[in-house]
N, C-alpha and C. Protein backbone atom coordinates (compact mmCIF):
# COMPACT_ATOMS: atom_id res chain seq x y z
N MET A 1 102.07 -49.90 76.44
CA MET A 1 103.20 -50.61 76.98
C MET A 1 102.79 -51.38 78.22
N LYS A 2 101.86 -50.83 79.02
CA LYS A 2 101.41 -51.49 80.22
C LYS A 2 100.68 -52.79 79.89
N SER A 3 99.93 -52.85 78.78
CA SER A 3 99.19 -54.04 78.41
C SER A 3 100.14 -55.18 78.03
N GLN A 4 101.32 -54.86 77.48
CA GLN A 4 102.29 -55.90 77.16
C GLN A 4 102.83 -56.55 78.42
N TRP A 5 102.97 -55.81 79.50
CA TRP A 5 103.49 -56.34 80.74
C TRP A 5 102.44 -57.20 81.46
N CYS A 6 101.16 -56.85 81.32
CA CYS A 6 100.08 -57.57 81.99
C CYS A 6 99.83 -58.94 81.38
N ARG A 7 99.99 -59.07 80.09
CA ARG A 7 99.71 -60.34 79.44
C ARG A 7 100.57 -61.48 79.97
N PRO A 8 101.91 -61.33 80.07
CA PRO A 8 102.70 -62.44 80.61
C PRO A 8 102.34 -62.78 82.04
N VAL A 9 102.05 -61.77 82.86
CA VAL A 9 101.69 -62.04 84.26
C VAL A 9 100.37 -62.80 84.31
N ALA A 10 99.39 -62.36 83.53
CA ALA A 10 98.10 -63.04 83.50
C ALA A 10 98.26 -64.45 82.96
N MET A 11 99.10 -64.61 81.95
CA MET A 11 99.32 -65.93 81.37
C MET A 11 100.01 -66.85 82.38
N ASP A 12 101.01 -66.33 83.08
CA ASP A 12 101.69 -67.14 84.09
C ASP A 12 100.73 -67.55 85.19
N LEU A 13 99.87 -66.62 85.61
CA LEU A 13 98.89 -66.94 86.63
C LEU A 13 97.91 -67.99 86.13
N GLY A 14 97.48 -67.86 84.88
CA GLY A 14 96.57 -68.85 84.29
C GLY A 14 97.21 -70.21 84.20
N VAL A 15 98.48 -70.27 83.81
CA VAL A 15 99.19 -71.54 83.71
C VAL A 15 99.31 -72.16 85.10
N TYR A 16 99.64 -71.33 86.10
CA TYR A 16 99.75 -71.83 87.46
C TYR A 16 98.41 -72.40 87.93
N GLN A 17 97.32 -71.68 87.68
CA GLN A 17 96.00 -72.15 88.10
C GLN A 17 95.62 -73.43 87.36
N LEU A 18 95.92 -73.51 86.07
CA LEU A 18 95.63 -74.70 85.30
C LEU A 18 96.43 -75.89 85.83
N ARG A 19 97.69 -75.68 86.14
CA ARG A 19 98.51 -76.76 86.69
C ARG A 19 97.95 -77.21 88.04
N HIS A 20 97.58 -76.24 88.87
CA HIS A 20 97.05 -76.59 90.18
C HIS A 20 95.75 -77.39 90.03
N PHE A 21 94.87 -76.96 89.11
CA PHE A 21 93.63 -77.69 88.86
C PHE A 21 93.94 -79.08 88.33
N SER A 22 94.87 -79.17 87.38
CA SER A 22 95.21 -80.46 86.79
C SER A 22 95.77 -81.40 87.84
N ILE A 23 96.60 -80.88 88.72
CA ILE A 23 97.18 -81.71 89.77
C ILE A 23 96.09 -82.22 90.69
N SER A 24 95.19 -81.35 91.09
CA SER A 24 94.10 -81.76 91.98
C SER A 24 93.23 -82.80 91.31
N PHE A 25 92.88 -82.56 90.05
CA PHE A 25 92.03 -83.49 89.33
C PHE A 25 92.72 -84.84 89.15
N LEU A 26 93.95 -84.81 88.68
CA LEU A 26 94.66 -86.06 88.44
C LEU A 26 94.95 -86.79 89.74
N SER A 27 95.24 -86.06 90.80
CA SER A 27 95.48 -86.71 92.09
C SER A 27 94.23 -87.44 92.56
N SER A 28 93.08 -86.79 92.40
CA SER A 28 91.85 -87.47 92.81
C SER A 28 91.56 -88.65 91.89
N LEU A 29 91.89 -88.51 90.63
CA LEU A 29 91.67 -89.60 89.67
C LEU A 29 92.57 -90.78 89.99
N LEU A 30 93.82 -90.49 90.31
CA LEU A 30 94.78 -91.56 90.59
C LEU A 30 94.73 -92.01 92.04
N GLY A 31 94.02 -91.29 92.89
CA GLY A 31 93.90 -91.67 94.28
C GLY A 31 95.15 -91.36 95.09
N THR A 32 95.91 -90.36 94.68
CA THR A 32 97.11 -89.98 95.41
C THR A 32 96.84 -88.76 96.25
N GLU A 33 97.73 -88.52 97.19
CA GLU A 33 97.61 -87.34 98.03
C GLU A 33 97.96 -86.09 97.23
N ASN A 34 97.23 -85.02 97.44
CA ASN A 34 97.49 -83.76 96.75
C ASN A 34 98.85 -83.20 97.16
N ALA A 35 99.27 -83.49 98.39
CA ALA A 35 100.53 -82.94 98.88
C ALA A 35 101.73 -83.51 98.14
N SER A 36 101.59 -84.70 97.59
CA SER A 36 102.75 -85.32 96.93
C SER A 36 103.10 -84.64 95.62
N VAL A 37 102.17 -83.87 95.05
CA VAL A 37 102.45 -83.20 93.79
C VAL A 37 102.20 -81.70 93.90
N ARG A 38 102.27 -81.15 95.11
CA ARG A 38 101.98 -79.73 95.33
C ARG A 38 103.04 -78.87 94.65
N LEU A 39 102.58 -77.78 94.08
CA LEU A 39 103.47 -76.82 93.44
C LEU A 39 103.75 -75.67 94.38
N ASP A 40 104.94 -75.17 94.33
CA ASP A 40 105.19 -73.91 95.01
C ASP A 40 105.11 -72.79 93.98
N ASN A 41 105.20 -71.56 94.41
CA ASN A 41 105.06 -70.44 93.50
C ASN A 41 106.17 -70.38 92.46
N SER A 42 107.32 -71.00 92.72
CA SER A 42 108.42 -70.92 91.77
C SER A 42 108.30 -71.93 90.64
N SER A 43 107.41 -72.91 90.77
CA SER A 43 107.22 -73.95 89.75
C SER A 43 108.55 -74.58 89.38
N SER A 44 109.16 -75.22 90.34
CA SER A 44 110.47 -75.82 90.12
C SER A 44 110.39 -76.92 89.08
N GLY A 45 111.54 -77.25 88.51
CA GLY A 45 111.61 -78.27 87.47
C GLY A 45 111.17 -79.64 87.96
N ALA A 46 111.45 -79.98 89.21
CA ALA A 46 111.07 -81.28 89.75
C ALA A 46 109.56 -81.43 89.82
N SER A 47 108.87 -80.36 90.23
CA SER A 47 107.42 -80.46 90.32
C SER A 47 106.79 -80.54 88.93
N VAL A 48 107.39 -79.89 87.95
CA VAL A 48 106.88 -79.97 86.58
C VAL A 48 107.04 -81.40 86.06
N VAL A 49 108.18 -82.02 86.37
CA VAL A 49 108.40 -83.41 85.96
C VAL A 49 107.38 -84.31 86.65
N ALA A 50 107.13 -84.06 87.94
CA ALA A 50 106.14 -84.87 88.67
C ALA A 50 104.76 -84.72 88.04
N ILE A 51 104.43 -83.51 87.66
CA ILE A 51 103.13 -83.28 87.00
C ILE A 51 103.08 -84.04 85.69
N ASP A 52 104.14 -83.94 84.90
CA ASP A 52 104.17 -84.65 83.62
C ASP A 52 104.02 -86.15 83.83
N ASN A 53 104.67 -86.67 84.87
CA ASN A 53 104.55 -88.11 85.15
C ASN A 53 103.12 -88.48 85.54
N LYS A 54 102.49 -87.66 86.36
CA LYS A 54 101.11 -87.94 86.77
C LYS A 54 100.17 -87.85 85.57
N ILE A 55 100.39 -86.87 84.72
CA ILE A 55 99.56 -86.74 83.52
C ILE A 55 99.74 -87.97 82.64
N GLU A 56 100.97 -88.40 82.47
CA GLU A 56 101.24 -89.58 81.65
C GLU A 56 100.59 -90.82 82.25
N GLN A 57 100.64 -90.96 83.57
CA GLN A 57 99.98 -92.09 84.23
C GLN A 57 98.48 -92.05 84.01
N ALA A 58 97.91 -90.86 84.14
CA ALA A 58 96.47 -90.73 83.94
C ALA A 58 96.09 -91.05 82.50
N MET A 59 96.89 -90.58 81.56
CA MET A 59 96.61 -90.87 80.15
C MET A 59 96.72 -92.36 79.87
N ASP A 60 97.72 -93.01 80.48
CA ASP A 60 97.85 -94.45 80.30
C ASP A 60 96.65 -95.19 80.89
N LEU A 61 96.17 -94.73 82.04
CA LEU A 61 95.01 -95.33 82.66
C LEU A 61 93.77 -95.17 81.78
N VAL A 62 93.57 -93.97 81.27
CA VAL A 62 92.44 -93.72 80.38
C VAL A 62 92.56 -94.58 79.12
N LYS A 63 93.76 -94.65 78.58
CA LYS A 63 93.99 -95.45 77.37
C LYS A 63 93.67 -96.92 77.62
N SER A 64 94.09 -97.45 78.75
CA SER A 64 93.82 -98.87 79.02
C SER A 64 92.32 -99.11 79.21
N HIS A 65 91.63 -98.17 79.86
CA HIS A 65 90.18 -98.33 80.01
C HIS A 65 89.48 -98.26 78.66
N LEU A 66 89.90 -97.35 77.81
CA LEU A 66 89.30 -97.23 76.48
C LEU A 66 89.55 -98.48 75.65
N MET A 67 90.77 -98.99 75.71
CA MET A 67 91.09 -100.20 74.94
C MET A 67 90.25 -101.38 75.43
N TYR A 68 90.07 -101.50 76.73
CA TYR A 68 89.24 -102.56 77.28
C TYR A 68 87.81 -102.43 76.78
N ALA A 69 87.26 -101.22 76.83
CA ALA A 69 85.89 -100.99 76.37
C ALA A 69 85.75 -101.28 74.88
N VAL A 70 86.74 -100.89 74.11
CA VAL A 70 86.70 -101.14 72.66
C VAL A 70 86.75 -102.65 72.38
N ARG A 71 87.60 -103.36 73.11
CA ARG A 71 87.69 -104.81 72.91
C ARG A 71 86.36 -105.49 73.23
N GLU A 72 85.72 -105.06 74.31
CA GLU A 72 84.41 -105.62 74.65
C GLU A 72 83.39 -105.34 73.54
N GLU A 73 83.38 -104.12 73.05
CA GLU A 73 82.44 -103.76 71.99
C GLU A 73 82.71 -104.56 70.72
N VAL A 74 83.97 -104.77 70.40
CA VAL A 74 84.32 -105.55 69.22
C VAL A 74 83.80 -106.98 69.35
N GLU A 75 83.93 -107.57 70.54
CA GLU A 75 83.43 -108.92 70.76
C GLU A 75 81.91 -108.98 70.58
N VAL A 76 81.21 -107.99 71.11
CA VAL A 76 79.75 -107.94 70.96
C VAL A 76 79.38 -107.83 69.49
N LEU A 77 80.07 -106.95 68.77
CA LEU A 77 79.78 -106.77 67.34
C LEU A 77 80.10 -108.02 66.53
N LYS A 78 81.18 -108.71 66.87
CA LYS A 78 81.51 -109.96 66.16
C LYS A 78 80.40 -110.98 66.35
N GLU A 79 79.88 -111.08 67.56
CA GLU A 79 78.79 -112.02 67.83
C GLU A 79 77.54 -111.63 67.05
N GLN A 80 77.23 -110.34 66.99
CA GLN A 80 76.07 -109.89 66.22
C GLN A 80 76.25 -110.18 64.74
N ILE A 81 77.45 -109.98 64.22
CA ILE A 81 77.72 -110.27 62.81
C ILE A 81 77.53 -111.76 62.53
N LYS A 82 78.03 -112.59 63.45
CA LYS A 82 77.89 -114.04 63.29
C LYS A 82 76.41 -114.43 63.25
N GLU A 83 75.61 -113.87 64.17
CA GLU A 83 74.18 -114.17 64.20
C GLU A 83 73.49 -113.68 62.92
N LEU A 84 73.86 -112.50 62.44
CA LEU A 84 73.24 -111.98 61.22
C LEU A 84 73.61 -112.81 60.00
N ILE A 85 74.83 -113.30 59.94
CA ILE A 85 75.24 -114.15 58.82
C ILE A 85 74.43 -115.44 58.83
N GLU A 86 74.26 -116.03 60.02
CA GLU A 86 73.46 -117.25 60.12
C GLU A 86 72.01 -116.99 59.71
N LYS A 87 71.44 -115.89 60.18
CA LYS A 87 70.05 -115.55 59.83
C LYS A 87 69.91 -115.30 58.33
N ASN A 88 70.88 -114.61 57.75
CA ASN A 88 70.86 -114.35 56.31
C ASN A 88 70.92 -115.66 55.52
N SER A 89 71.77 -116.57 55.95
CA SER A 89 71.87 -117.86 55.27
C SER A 89 70.55 -118.62 55.36
N GLN A 90 69.93 -118.61 56.54
CA GLN A 90 68.65 -119.28 56.73
C GLN A 90 67.58 -118.66 55.82
N LEU A 91 67.54 -117.34 55.75
CA LEU A 91 66.55 -116.67 54.91
C LEU A 91 66.79 -116.93 53.42
N GLU A 92 68.05 -117.02 53.01
CA GLU A 92 68.35 -117.33 51.61
C GLU A 92 67.88 -118.74 51.26
N GLN A 93 68.10 -119.68 52.18
CA GLN A 93 67.63 -121.05 51.94
C GLN A 93 66.11 -121.10 51.85
N GLU A 94 65.45 -120.38 52.75
CA GLU A 94 63.99 -120.32 52.72
C GLU A 94 63.50 -119.67 51.43
N ASN A 95 64.16 -118.63 51.00
CA ASN A 95 63.78 -117.95 49.76
C ASN A 95 63.94 -118.89 48.57
N ASN A 96 65.04 -119.59 48.51
CA ASN A 96 65.25 -120.53 47.40
C ASN A 96 64.21 -121.64 47.40
N LEU A 97 63.86 -122.14 48.58
CA LEU A 97 62.82 -123.17 48.68
C LEU A 97 61.49 -122.63 48.18
N LEU A 98 61.13 -121.45 48.62
CA LEU A 98 59.86 -120.87 48.19
C LEU A 98 59.83 -120.63 46.68
N LYS A 99 60.96 -120.23 46.13
CA LYS A 99 61.02 -120.02 44.67
C LYS A 99 60.82 -121.33 43.92
N THR A 100 61.37 -122.42 44.44
CA THR A 100 61.21 -123.70 43.74
C THR A 100 59.79 -124.24 43.89
N LEU A 101 59.11 -123.94 45.00
CA LEU A 101 57.75 -124.45 45.22
C LEU A 101 56.68 -123.57 44.58
N ALA A 102 57.01 -122.35 44.25
CA ALA A 102 56.02 -121.44 43.68
C ALA A 102 55.75 -121.78 42.23
N SER A 103 54.50 -121.57 41.85
CA SER A 103 54.12 -121.78 40.46
C SER A 103 54.61 -120.60 39.61
N PRO A 104 54.72 -120.80 38.29
CA PRO A 104 55.12 -119.67 37.44
C PRO A 104 54.17 -118.48 37.54
N GLU A 105 52.86 -118.76 37.72
CA GLU A 105 51.89 -117.66 37.86
C GLU A 105 52.16 -116.86 39.15
N GLN A 106 52.47 -117.56 40.24
CA GLN A 106 52.76 -116.88 41.50
C GLN A 106 54.03 -116.04 41.39
N LEU A 107 55.04 -116.57 40.72
CA LEU A 107 56.27 -115.81 40.52
C LEU A 107 56.03 -114.57 39.68
N ALA A 108 55.23 -114.71 38.63
CA ALA A 108 54.93 -113.56 37.77
C ALA A 108 54.15 -112.51 38.56
N GLN A 109 53.16 -112.96 39.37
CA GLN A 109 52.39 -112.02 40.18
C GLN A 109 53.31 -111.31 41.18
N PHE A 110 54.22 -112.04 41.78
CA PHE A 110 55.14 -111.44 42.74
C PHE A 110 56.05 -110.41 42.07
N GLN A 111 56.56 -110.74 40.89
CA GLN A 111 57.41 -109.80 40.14
C GLN A 111 56.62 -108.53 39.79
N ALA A 112 55.35 -108.69 39.42
CA ALA A 112 54.52 -107.53 39.08
C ALA A 112 54.30 -106.66 40.31
N GLN A 113 54.10 -107.28 41.47
CA GLN A 113 53.91 -106.51 42.69
C GLN A 113 55.19 -105.76 43.07
N LEU A 114 56.33 -106.38 42.84
CA LEU A 114 57.59 -105.70 43.13
C LEU A 114 57.78 -104.48 42.24
N GLN A 115 57.38 -104.60 40.98
CA GLN A 115 57.57 -103.49 40.04
C GLN A 115 56.63 -102.34 40.35
N THR A 116 55.40 -102.64 40.80
CA THR A 116 54.45 -101.57 41.10
C THR A 116 54.65 -101.00 42.49
N GLY A 117 55.36 -101.72 43.33
CA GLY A 117 55.63 -101.23 44.67
C GLY A 117 54.52 -101.53 45.66
N SER A 118 53.54 -102.34 45.26
CA SER A 118 52.46 -102.69 46.18
C SER A 118 52.93 -103.85 47.07
N PRO A 119 52.39 -103.92 48.29
CA PRO A 119 52.83 -105.00 49.18
C PRO A 119 52.35 -106.35 48.68
N PRO A 120 53.12 -107.39 48.92
CA PRO A 120 52.70 -108.72 48.46
C PRO A 120 51.46 -109.19 49.21
N ALA A 121 50.63 -109.92 48.53
CA ALA A 121 49.38 -110.41 49.11
C ALA A 121 49.61 -111.80 49.66
N ALA A 122 50.46 -111.93 50.65
CA ALA A 122 50.82 -113.24 51.19
C ALA A 122 49.70 -113.83 52.02
N ALA A 123 48.88 -113.00 52.64
CA ALA A 123 47.83 -113.51 53.53
C ALA A 123 46.57 -113.90 52.78
N GLN A 124 46.48 -113.56 51.49
CA GLN A 124 45.28 -113.86 50.73
C GLN A 124 45.28 -115.33 50.30
N PRO A 125 44.13 -116.00 50.42
CA PRO A 125 44.06 -117.39 49.93
C PRO A 125 44.07 -117.39 48.41
N PRO A 126 44.46 -118.51 47.82
CA PRO A 126 44.46 -118.57 46.35
C PRO A 126 43.04 -118.40 45.81
N ALA A 127 42.96 -117.79 44.65
CA ALA A 127 41.66 -117.51 44.02
C ALA A 127 41.01 -118.82 43.58
N GLN A 128 39.68 -118.93 43.80
CA GLN A 128 38.93 -120.11 43.38
C GLN A 128 38.48 -119.92 41.93
N PRO A 129 38.56 -120.96 41.13
CA PRO A 129 38.05 -120.84 39.75
C PRO A 129 36.56 -120.55 39.76
N ALA A 130 36.08 -119.83 38.77
CA ALA A 130 34.66 -119.42 38.69
C ALA A 130 33.75 -120.60 38.46
N SER A 131 34.20 -121.72 37.90
CA SER A 131 33.33 -122.85 37.58
C SER A 131 32.92 -123.61 38.83
N GLN A 132 33.66 -123.49 39.94
CA GLN A 132 33.28 -124.21 41.14
C GLN A 132 32.19 -123.46 41.87
N GLY A 133 31.19 -124.13 42.30
CA GLY A 133 30.09 -123.52 43.03
C GLY A 133 30.42 -123.47 44.51
N SER A 134 29.75 -122.53 45.19
CA SER A 134 30.01 -122.43 46.61
C SER A 134 29.03 -123.26 47.41
N GLY A 135 27.92 -123.66 46.83
CA GLY A 135 26.91 -124.42 47.55
C GLY A 135 26.98 -125.92 47.24
N PRO A 136 26.27 -126.73 48.00
CA PRO A 136 26.29 -128.18 47.74
C PRO A 136 25.49 -128.51 46.48
N THR A 137 25.87 -129.57 45.83
CA THR A 137 25.18 -130.00 44.62
C THR A 137 24.13 -131.02 44.99
N ALA A 138 23.02 -131.01 44.28
CA ALA A 138 21.91 -131.92 44.60
C ALA A 138 21.84 -133.11 43.71
């Protein structure tokens, strides 16, 4: 029976301490004097309303800061998307040009490399036919 009586007292004390901490924290956050929202031991209805108002003000302040940060991030992302779309368009045009300039043999070799998973040999010079000599003719 004694434990049932202790729980409400401990809970009331915890609530009082939490309110006091919240008031101190929110007062420092909002830049107000701690005395303007001080609680007495009776926790009157007016002080509870004042606390609720301060909490609501703090939440509104946090909300406005978050919305501002989100708007900034959205603008940055929109710009990145725009740049990526432009780059993608440029690369597609370059790809189409290269496809039209490539010989059928080069396209077939490229397709074979894609299927085997080997890297393309873009840096290699074209193969010389065996009939051409490497030395000067006399």
